[in-house]
Amino acid sequence: MKDLPVAHRNPTPTVDIIIELSDRPHRPIVLIERLNPPYGWALPGGFVDYGEAVETAAKREAAEEVGLQVELIEQFHVYSDPNRDPRQHTLSIVFLAIAQGTPKAGDDAKHLDVFESWRMPTNLCFDHDRILRDYWRYRHYGMKPGV
C-alpha cells in the first residue's frame, strides 16, 4: 500500500505595503481603516493567492485597497509571530513602496488617510504598530529590524 501524503498546518502568507507618497511633503504613508474585523487602522495588504508571487500580491493589494499603482522599493522584513493575526497564524512579507497621486479607499477599506510619523492613529490592527515603529526607525536612522 502506498503511503498517503502527510498534511501540514502552515502559516498563511500575507503581504503588507508601506506606501510613501513621494509627491507630497514629508513623504506621508497611506493607512486604511478596515471595513471587516479586526477593526482599526492597518497597512494596505492581504493574503497571497495560490500561484502568485509575493511582489505581485503586494502590487495587487495596493491597487485594490488604495487605488494606487506602486513601485516596490525593497522587501523590508518578515513578521511571523503566531499571534500577529487573531484570525489565524499568518506571516507577513512587508514591502516598502512609493506612489504618486490621490489614494482612494476600496476593497476592504472603510476609509483611508495619509499620515506622517508625528500623526499616527493609535488603534492599529494586527502587529502594525510594531511594523511602523520598525519602519520609522529605519526611515529616520537607517536601522533595519533585527531577527
N, C-alpha and C. Protein backbone atom coordinates (compact mmCIF):
# COMPACT_ATOMS: atom_id res chain seq x y z
N MET A 1 0.85 -1.19 0.00
CA MET A 1 0.00 0.00 0.00
C MET A 1 0.89 1.24 0.00
N LYS A 2 0.53 2.17 -0.80
CA LYS A 2 1.28 3.43 -0.95
C LYS A 2 1.01 4.35 0.24
N ASP A 3 2.07 5.00 0.77
CA ASP A 3 1.90 5.94 1.87
C ASP A 3 1.16 7.18 1.38
N LEU A 4 0.20 7.62 2.18
CA LEU A 4 -0.53 8.85 1.86
C LEU A 4 0.31 10.05 2.27
N PRO A 5 0.19 11.15 1.54
CA PRO A 5 0.94 12.36 1.92
C PRO A 5 0.46 12.87 3.29
N VAL A 6 1.39 13.40 4.04
CA VAL A 6 1.08 13.95 5.35
C VAL A 6 0.65 15.40 5.16
N ALA A 7 -0.47 15.74 5.76
CA ALA A 7 -0.93 17.12 5.69
C ALA A 7 -0.22 17.93 6.76
N HIS A 8 0.19 19.13 6.41
CA HIS A 8 0.86 20.02 7.35
C HIS A 8 0.02 21.27 7.54
N ARG A 9 0.06 21.78 8.76
CA ARG A 9 -0.56 23.08 9.01
C ARG A 9 0.55 24.11 8.96
N ASN A 10 0.45 25.01 8.04
CA ASN A 10 1.46 26.04 7.86
C ASN A 10 0.84 27.42 8.03
N PRO A 11 1.67 28.40 8.39
CA PRO A 11 1.15 29.78 8.42
C PRO A 11 0.73 30.20 7.02
N THR A 12 -0.23 31.10 6.97
CA THR A 12 -0.72 31.62 5.70
C THR A 12 0.09 32.86 5.32
N PRO A 13 0.64 32.89 4.09
CA PRO A 13 1.43 34.07 3.69
C PRO A 13 0.55 35.27 3.35
N THR A 14 0.99 36.42 3.83
CA THR A 14 0.33 37.69 3.53
C THR A 14 1.39 38.70 3.14
N VAL A 15 0.94 39.82 2.61
CA VAL A 15 1.83 40.95 2.32
C VAL A 15 1.23 42.19 2.95
N ASP A 16 2.10 43.07 3.39
CA ASP A 16 1.71 44.41 3.82
C ASP A 16 2.62 45.38 3.09
N ILE A 17 2.07 46.55 2.75
CA ILE A 17 2.83 47.51 1.95
C ILE A 17 2.84 48.85 2.66
N ILE A 18 4.03 49.35 2.92
CA ILE A 18 4.20 50.70 3.45
C ILE A 18 4.38 51.59 2.22
N ILE A 19 3.35 52.35 1.91
CA ILE A 19 3.35 53.17 0.68
C ILE A 19 3.65 54.61 1.06
N GLU A 20 4.80 55.10 0.60
CA GLU A 20 5.16 56.51 0.76
C GLU A 20 4.64 57.28 -0.45
N LEU A 21 3.96 58.38 -0.19
CA LEU A 21 3.50 59.25 -1.28
C LEU A 21 4.64 60.21 -1.61
N SER A 22 5.37 59.88 -2.66
CA SER A 22 6.60 60.60 -2.99
C SER A 22 6.36 61.98 -3.57
N ASP A 23 5.11 62.31 -3.93
CA ASP A 23 4.80 63.62 -4.50
C ASP A 23 4.25 64.59 -3.45
N ARG A 24 4.37 64.23 -2.16
CA ARG A 24 3.88 65.11 -1.08
C ARG A 24 5.00 65.42 -0.12
N PRO A 25 4.92 66.58 0.53
CA PRO A 25 5.94 66.93 1.52
C PRO A 25 5.99 65.89 2.64
N HIS A 26 7.18 65.59 3.10
CA HIS A 26 7.45 64.65 4.19
C HIS A 26 7.14 63.20 3.84
N ARG A 27 6.80 62.91 2.57
CA ARG A 27 6.51 61.55 2.12
C ARG A 27 5.62 60.78 3.11
N PRO A 28 4.38 61.24 3.33
CA PRO A 28 3.50 60.52 4.27
C PRO A 28 3.16 59.13 3.75
N ILE A 29 2.67 58.28 4.64
CA ILE A 29 2.29 56.92 4.26
C ILE A 29 0.77 56.77 4.29
N VAL A 30 0.29 55.78 3.57
CA VAL A 30 -1.14 55.52 3.44
C VAL A 30 -1.54 54.39 4.40
N LEU A 31 -2.58 54.64 5.19
CA LEU A 31 -3.17 53.61 6.03
C LEU A 31 -4.66 53.52 5.72
N ILE A 32 -5.21 52.33 5.91
CA ILE A 32 -6.65 52.14 5.71
C ILE A 32 -7.31 51.87 7.04
N GLU A 33 -8.56 52.28 7.15
CA GLU A 33 -9.39 51.87 8.27
C GLU A 33 -10.17 50.66 7.78
N ARG A 34 -10.02 49.54 8.46
CA ARG A 34 -10.58 48.27 7.99
C ARG A 34 -12.10 48.24 8.05
N LEU A 35 -12.69 47.69 7.00
CA LEU A 35 -14.13 47.52 6.90
C LEU A 35 -14.58 46.28 7.67
N ASN A 36 -13.72 45.26 7.71
CA ASN A 36 -14.05 43.97 8.34
C ASN A 36 -13.18 43.73 9.57
N PRO A 37 -13.64 42.84 10.47
CA PRO A 37 -12.83 42.55 11.67
C PRO A 37 -11.50 41.91 11.28
N PRO A 38 -10.48 42.16 12.04
CA PRO A 38 -10.42 43.05 13.19
C PRO A 38 -10.43 44.52 12.73
N TYR A 39 -11.20 45.35 13.45
CA TYR A 39 -11.37 46.74 13.09
C TYR A 39 -10.19 47.59 13.56
N GLY A 40 -10.01 48.72 12.92
CA GLY A 40 -8.95 49.65 13.25
C GLY A 40 -8.18 50.03 12.00
N TRP A 41 -7.07 50.71 12.20
CA TRP A 41 -6.22 51.16 11.09
C TRP A 41 -5.16 50.10 10.79
N ALA A 42 -4.81 50.01 9.51
CA ALA A 42 -3.84 48.99 9.09
C ALA A 42 -3.11 49.44 7.84
N LEU A 43 -1.99 48.81 7.61
CA LEU A 43 -1.29 48.96 6.35
C LEU A 43 -2.11 48.29 5.26
N PRO A 44 -2.08 48.80 4.04
CA PRO A 44 -2.71 48.06 2.94
C PRO A 44 -2.01 46.71 2.80
N GLY A 45 -2.79 45.70 2.51
CA GLY A 45 -2.20 44.37 2.34
C GLY A 45 -3.26 43.30 2.35
N GLY A 46 -2.80 42.05 2.31
CA GLY A 46 -3.74 40.94 2.32
C GLY A 46 -3.07 39.64 2.01
N PHE A 47 -3.89 38.64 1.74
CA PHE A 47 -3.41 37.29 1.51
C PHE A 47 -2.80 37.14 0.12
N VAL A 48 -1.78 36.30 0.04
CA VAL A 48 -1.15 35.94 -1.23
C VAL A 48 -1.98 34.82 -1.83
N ASP A 49 -2.39 34.98 -3.08
CA ASP A 49 -3.16 33.94 -3.76
C ASP A 49 -2.25 32.79 -4.17
N TYR A 50 -2.82 31.59 -4.24
CA TYR A 50 -2.06 30.42 -4.69
C TYR A 50 -1.55 30.68 -6.11
N GLY A 51 -0.28 30.42 -6.34
CA GLY A 51 0.33 30.62 -7.65
C GLY A 51 0.77 32.05 -7.92
N GLU A 52 0.67 32.92 -6.92
CA GLU A 52 1.00 34.33 -7.08
C GLU A 52 2.32 34.65 -6.38
N ALA A 53 3.18 35.41 -7.01
CA ALA A 53 4.41 35.88 -6.37
C ALA A 53 4.06 36.95 -5.33
N VAL A 54 4.83 37.02 -4.26
CA VAL A 54 4.52 38.00 -3.21
C VAL A 54 4.60 39.42 -3.75
N GLU A 55 5.49 39.69 -4.67
CA GLU A 55 5.59 41.03 -5.25
C GLU A 55 4.32 41.38 -6.03
N THR A 56 3.80 40.41 -6.75
CA THR A 56 2.55 40.61 -7.49
C THR A 56 1.40 40.84 -6.52
N ALA A 57 1.37 40.08 -5.44
CA ALA A 57 0.32 40.24 -4.42
C ALA A 57 0.37 41.63 -3.81
N ALA A 58 1.57 42.13 -3.52
CA ALA A 58 1.70 43.47 -2.93
C ALA A 58 1.16 44.54 -3.88
N LYS A 59 1.51 44.46 -5.15
CA LYS A 59 1.02 45.44 -6.12
C LYS A 59 -0.49 45.33 -6.29
N ARG A 60 -1.00 44.11 -6.31
CA ARG A 60 -2.45 43.89 -6.45
C ARG A 60 -3.21 44.46 -5.25
N GLU A 61 -2.73 44.15 -4.05
CA GLU A 61 -3.40 44.63 -2.84
C GLU A 61 -3.38 46.16 -2.76
N ALA A 62 -2.27 46.77 -3.15
CA ALA A 62 -2.21 48.24 -3.14
C ALA A 62 -3.25 48.82 -4.10
N ALA A 63 -3.35 48.24 -5.28
CA ALA A 63 -4.33 48.73 -6.26
C ALA A 63 -5.76 48.51 -5.76
N GLU A 64 -6.05 47.34 -5.18
CA GLU A 64 -7.40 47.04 -4.71
C GLU A 64 -7.80 47.89 -3.51
N GLU A 65 -6.89 48.09 -2.57
CA GLU A 65 -7.26 48.74 -1.31
C GLU A 65 -7.14 50.25 -1.33
N VAL A 66 -6.17 50.79 -2.10
CA VAL A 66 -5.99 52.25 -2.07
C VAL A 66 -5.95 52.87 -3.47
N GLY A 67 -6.16 52.07 -4.51
CA GLY A 67 -6.26 52.59 -5.86
C GLY A 67 -4.99 53.19 -6.41
N LEU A 68 -3.84 52.73 -5.94
CA LEU A 68 -2.56 53.27 -6.41
C LEU A 68 -1.72 52.19 -7.08
N GLN A 69 -1.05 52.59 -8.16
CA GLN A 69 -0.04 51.74 -8.77
C GLN A 69 1.27 52.05 -8.05
N VAL A 70 1.83 51.06 -7.37
CA VAL A 70 3.02 51.30 -6.57
C VAL A 70 4.27 50.77 -7.25
N GLU A 71 5.39 51.39 -6.89
CA GLU A 71 6.70 50.87 -7.27
C GLU A 71 7.30 50.30 -5.99
N LEU A 72 7.52 48.98 -6.00
CA LEU A 72 8.13 48.35 -4.83
C LEU A 72 9.61 48.73 -4.78
N ILE A 73 10.04 49.23 -3.63
CA ILE A 73 11.42 49.68 -3.46
C ILE A 73 12.29 48.58 -2.87
N GLU A 74 11.76 47.93 -1.82
CA GLU A 74 12.52 46.84 -1.20
C GLU A 74 11.60 45.99 -0.35
N GLN A 75 12.06 44.75 -0.13
CA GLN A 75 11.41 43.89 0.85
C GLN A 75 11.98 44.29 2.19
N PHE A 76 11.13 44.76 3.08
CA PHE A 76 11.57 45.35 4.34
C PHE A 76 11.90 44.30 5.39
N HIS A 77 10.93 43.48 5.74
CA HIS A 77 11.13 42.50 6.81
C HIS A 77 9.97 41.50 6.77
N VAL A 78 10.15 40.35 7.41
CA VAL A 78 9.08 39.36 7.56
C VAL A 78 8.68 39.32 9.02
N TYR A 79 7.37 39.41 9.26
CA TYR A 79 6.81 39.34 10.61
C TYR A 79 6.00 38.06 10.71
N SER A 80 6.30 37.23 11.72
CA SER A 80 5.70 35.90 11.76
C SER A 80 5.23 35.46 13.14
N ASP A 81 5.10 36.36 14.09
CA ASP A 81 4.60 35.98 15.40
C ASP A 81 3.28 35.24 15.22
N PRO A 82 3.14 34.04 15.78
CA PRO A 82 1.90 33.27 15.59
C PRO A 82 0.65 34.01 16.07
N ASN A 83 0.80 35.02 16.92
CA ASN A 83 -0.34 35.75 17.44
C ASN A 83 -0.57 37.10 16.75
N ARG A 84 0.11 37.34 15.64
CA ARG A 84 0.01 38.66 14.99
C ARG A 84 -1.37 38.92 14.40
N ASP A 85 -2.09 37.87 14.04
CA ASP A 85 -3.44 38.00 13.47
C ASP A 85 -4.38 37.14 14.30
N PRO A 86 -5.41 37.73 14.91
CA PRO A 86 -6.30 36.94 15.77
C PRO A 86 -7.11 35.88 15.01
N ARG A 87 -7.18 35.98 13.70
CA ARG A 87 -7.99 35.03 12.92
C ARG A 87 -7.28 33.72 12.67
N GLN A 88 -5.95 33.80 12.44
CA GLN A 88 -5.17 32.60 12.12
C GLN A 88 -3.69 32.95 12.14
N HIS A 89 -2.85 31.93 12.10
CA HIS A 89 -1.41 32.15 12.07
C HIS A 89 -1.02 32.59 10.65
N THR A 90 -0.54 33.82 10.55
CA THR A 90 -0.08 34.35 9.27
C THR A 90 1.37 34.80 9.40
N LEU A 91 2.02 34.90 8.28
CA LEU A 91 3.31 35.60 8.25
C LEU A 91 3.20 36.65 7.18
N SER A 92 3.77 37.82 7.46
CA SER A 92 3.65 38.93 6.52
C SER A 92 5.01 39.31 5.98
N ILE A 93 5.09 39.38 4.67
CA ILE A 93 6.25 39.93 3.98
C ILE A 93 5.91 41.40 3.76
N VAL A 94 6.68 42.29 4.39
CA VAL A 94 6.38 43.72 4.32
C VAL A 94 7.28 44.36 3.27
N PHE A 95 6.66 45.12 2.38
CA PHE A 95 7.38 45.82 1.32
C PHE A 95 7.32 47.32 1.56
N LEU A 96 8.38 48.01 1.16
CA LEU A 96 8.39 49.47 1.09
C LEU A 96 8.12 49.82 -0.36
N ALA A 97 7.25 50.81 -0.56
CA ALA A 97 6.86 51.19 -1.92
C ALA A 97 6.66 52.69 -1.98
N ILE A 98 6.72 53.21 -3.20
CA ILE A 98 6.39 54.61 -3.42
C ILE A 98 5.26 54.68 -4.45
N ALA A 99 4.50 55.76 -4.37
CA ALA A 99 3.42 56.00 -5.32
C ALA A 99 3.18 57.50 -5.38
N GLN A 100 2.48 57.90 -6.41
CA GLN A 100 2.07 59.30 -6.56
C GLN A 100 0.58 59.32 -6.85
N GLY A 101 -0.05 60.43 -6.50
CA GLY A 101 -1.47 60.57 -6.78
C GLY A 101 -2.29 60.58 -5.51
N THR A 102 -3.60 60.48 -5.71
CA THR A 102 -4.54 60.54 -4.60
C THR A 102 -5.09 59.15 -4.33
N PRO A 103 -4.78 58.59 -3.15
CA PRO A 103 -5.32 57.27 -2.83
C PRO A 103 -6.83 57.34 -2.60
N LYS A 104 -7.51 56.24 -2.93
CA LYS A 104 -8.96 56.14 -2.75
C LYS A 104 -9.28 54.82 -2.07
N ALA A 105 -10.10 54.88 -1.03
CA ALA A 105 -10.48 53.67 -0.30
C ALA A 105 -11.26 52.72 -1.22
N GLY A 106 -10.88 51.47 -1.19
CA GLY A 106 -11.57 50.47 -1.98
C GLY A 106 -11.48 49.13 -1.29
N ASP A 107 -12.08 48.10 -1.87
CA ASP A 107 -12.00 46.73 -1.41
C ASP A 107 -12.32 46.61 0.08
N ASP A 108 -11.35 46.26 0.92
CA ASP A 108 -11.57 46.04 2.36
C ASP A 108 -11.44 47.31 3.18
N ALA A 109 -11.31 48.46 2.54
CA ALA A 109 -11.08 49.71 3.27
C ALA A 109 -12.39 50.46 3.49
N LYS A 110 -12.69 50.76 4.74
CA LYS A 110 -13.84 51.59 5.08
C LYS A 110 -13.51 53.05 4.81
N HIS A 111 -12.25 53.41 5.06
CA HIS A 111 -11.78 54.78 4.94
C HIS A 111 -10.26 54.70 4.80
N LEU A 112 -9.65 55.76 4.32
CA LEU A 112 -8.18 55.82 4.33
C LEU A 112 -7.75 57.22 4.64
N ASP A 113 -6.49 57.33 5.04
CA ASP A 113 -5.90 58.64 5.31
C ASP A 113 -4.40 58.51 5.10
N VAL A 114 -3.74 59.64 5.02
CA VAL A 114 -2.28 59.65 4.92
C VAL A 114 -1.72 60.24 6.22
N PHE A 115 -0.59 59.68 6.64
CA PHE A 115 -0.04 60.02 7.95
C PHE A 115 1.46 60.26 7.88
N GLU A 116 1.91 61.25 8.64
CA GLU A 116 3.32 61.47 8.87
C GLU A 116 3.69 60.79 10.19
N SER A 117 4.97 60.68 10.48
CA SER A 117 5.42 59.96 11.68
C SER A 117 4.89 60.59 12.96
N TRP A 118 4.65 61.89 12.96
CA TRP A 118 4.20 62.56 14.17
C TRP A 118 2.67 62.55 14.33
N ARG A 119 1.96 61.97 13.37
CA ARG A 119 0.49 61.95 13.42
C ARG A 119 -0.01 60.58 13.00
N MET A 120 0.14 59.61 13.90
CA MET A 120 -0.28 58.24 13.60
C MET A 120 -1.50 57.88 14.44
N PRO A 121 -2.41 57.06 13.89
CA PRO A 121 -3.55 56.62 14.71
C PRO A 121 -3.07 55.65 15.80
N THR A 122 -3.81 55.59 16.88
CA THR A 122 -3.42 54.71 17.98
C THR A 122 -4.06 53.34 17.89
N ASN A 123 -5.17 53.22 17.19
CA ASN A 123 -5.87 51.93 17.12
C ASN A 123 -5.46 51.16 15.85
N LEU A 124 -4.21 50.67 15.86
CA LEU A 124 -3.69 49.90 14.74
C LEU A 124 -4.00 48.42 14.93
N CYS A 125 -4.30 47.73 13.84
CA CYS A 125 -4.62 46.29 13.86
C CYS A 125 -3.35 45.45 13.81
N PHE A 126 -3.57 44.18 14.12
CA PHE A 126 -2.52 43.17 13.99
C PHE A 126 -1.27 43.64 14.76
N ASP A 127 -0.10 43.50 14.14
CA ASP A 127 1.15 43.97 14.74
C ASP A 127 1.67 45.20 13.98
N HIS A 128 0.76 45.95 13.39
CA HIS A 128 1.17 47.07 12.55
C HIS A 128 1.79 48.21 13.35
N ASP A 129 1.52 48.29 14.65
CA ASP A 129 2.23 49.26 15.47
C ASP A 129 3.72 48.91 15.51
N ARG A 130 4.05 47.64 15.67
CA ARG A 130 5.45 47.19 15.67
C ARG A 130 6.10 47.43 14.31
N ILE A 131 5.39 47.06 13.25
CA ILE A 131 5.92 47.23 11.89
C ILE A 131 6.22 48.71 11.64
N LEU A 132 5.30 49.58 12.03
CA LEU A 132 5.50 51.01 11.79
C LEU A 132 6.60 51.60 12.67
N ARG A 133 6.72 51.14 13.90
CA ARG A 133 7.86 51.58 14.73
C ARG A 133 9.17 51.19 14.05
N ASP A 134 9.25 49.96 13.55
CA ASP A 134 10.46 49.50 12.85
C ASP A 134 10.71 50.33 11.60
N TYR A 135 9.65 50.62 10.87
CA TYR A 135 9.78 51.39 9.64
C TYR A 135 10.28 52.81 9.92
N TRP A 136 9.65 53.50 10.88
CA TRP A 136 10.07 54.88 11.16
C TRP A 136 11.52 54.90 11.65
N ARG A 137 11.92 53.93 12.43
CA ARG A 137 13.31 53.85 12.89
C ARG A 137 14.26 53.67 11.69
N TYR A 138 13.85 52.82 10.76
CA TYR A 138 14.65 52.60 9.56
C TYR A 138 14.70 53.86 8.70
N ARG A 139 13.55 54.47 8.50
CA ARG A 139 13.49 55.67 7.64
C ARG A 139 14.29 56.83 8.23
N HIS A 140 14.21 57.02 9.55
CA HIS A 140 14.89 58.16 10.16
C HIS A 140 16.34 57.90 10.54
N TYR A 141 16.66 56.64 10.88
CA TYR A 141 18.01 56.33 11.37
C TYR A 141 18.74 55.26 10.57
N GLY A 142 18.08 54.68 9.57
CA GLY A 142 18.73 53.69 8.74
C GLY A 142 18.93 52.34 9.41
N MET A 143 18.20 52.08 10.50
CA MET A 143 18.36 50.84 11.24
C MET A 143 17.21 49.88 10.94
N LYS A 144 17.56 48.76 10.26
CA LYS A 144 16.55 47.75 9.95
C LYS A 144 16.25 46.92 11.19
N PRO A 145 15.06 46.30 11.25
CA PRO A 145 14.73 45.45 12.39
C PRO A 145 15.67 44.26 12.47
N GLY A 146 15.95 43.82 13.70
CA GLY A 146 16.78 42.64 13.90
C GLY A 146 15.97 41.38 13.70
N VAL A 147 16.64 40.29 13.75
CA VAL A 147 15.97 38.99 13.57
C VAL A 147 15.26 38.60 14.83
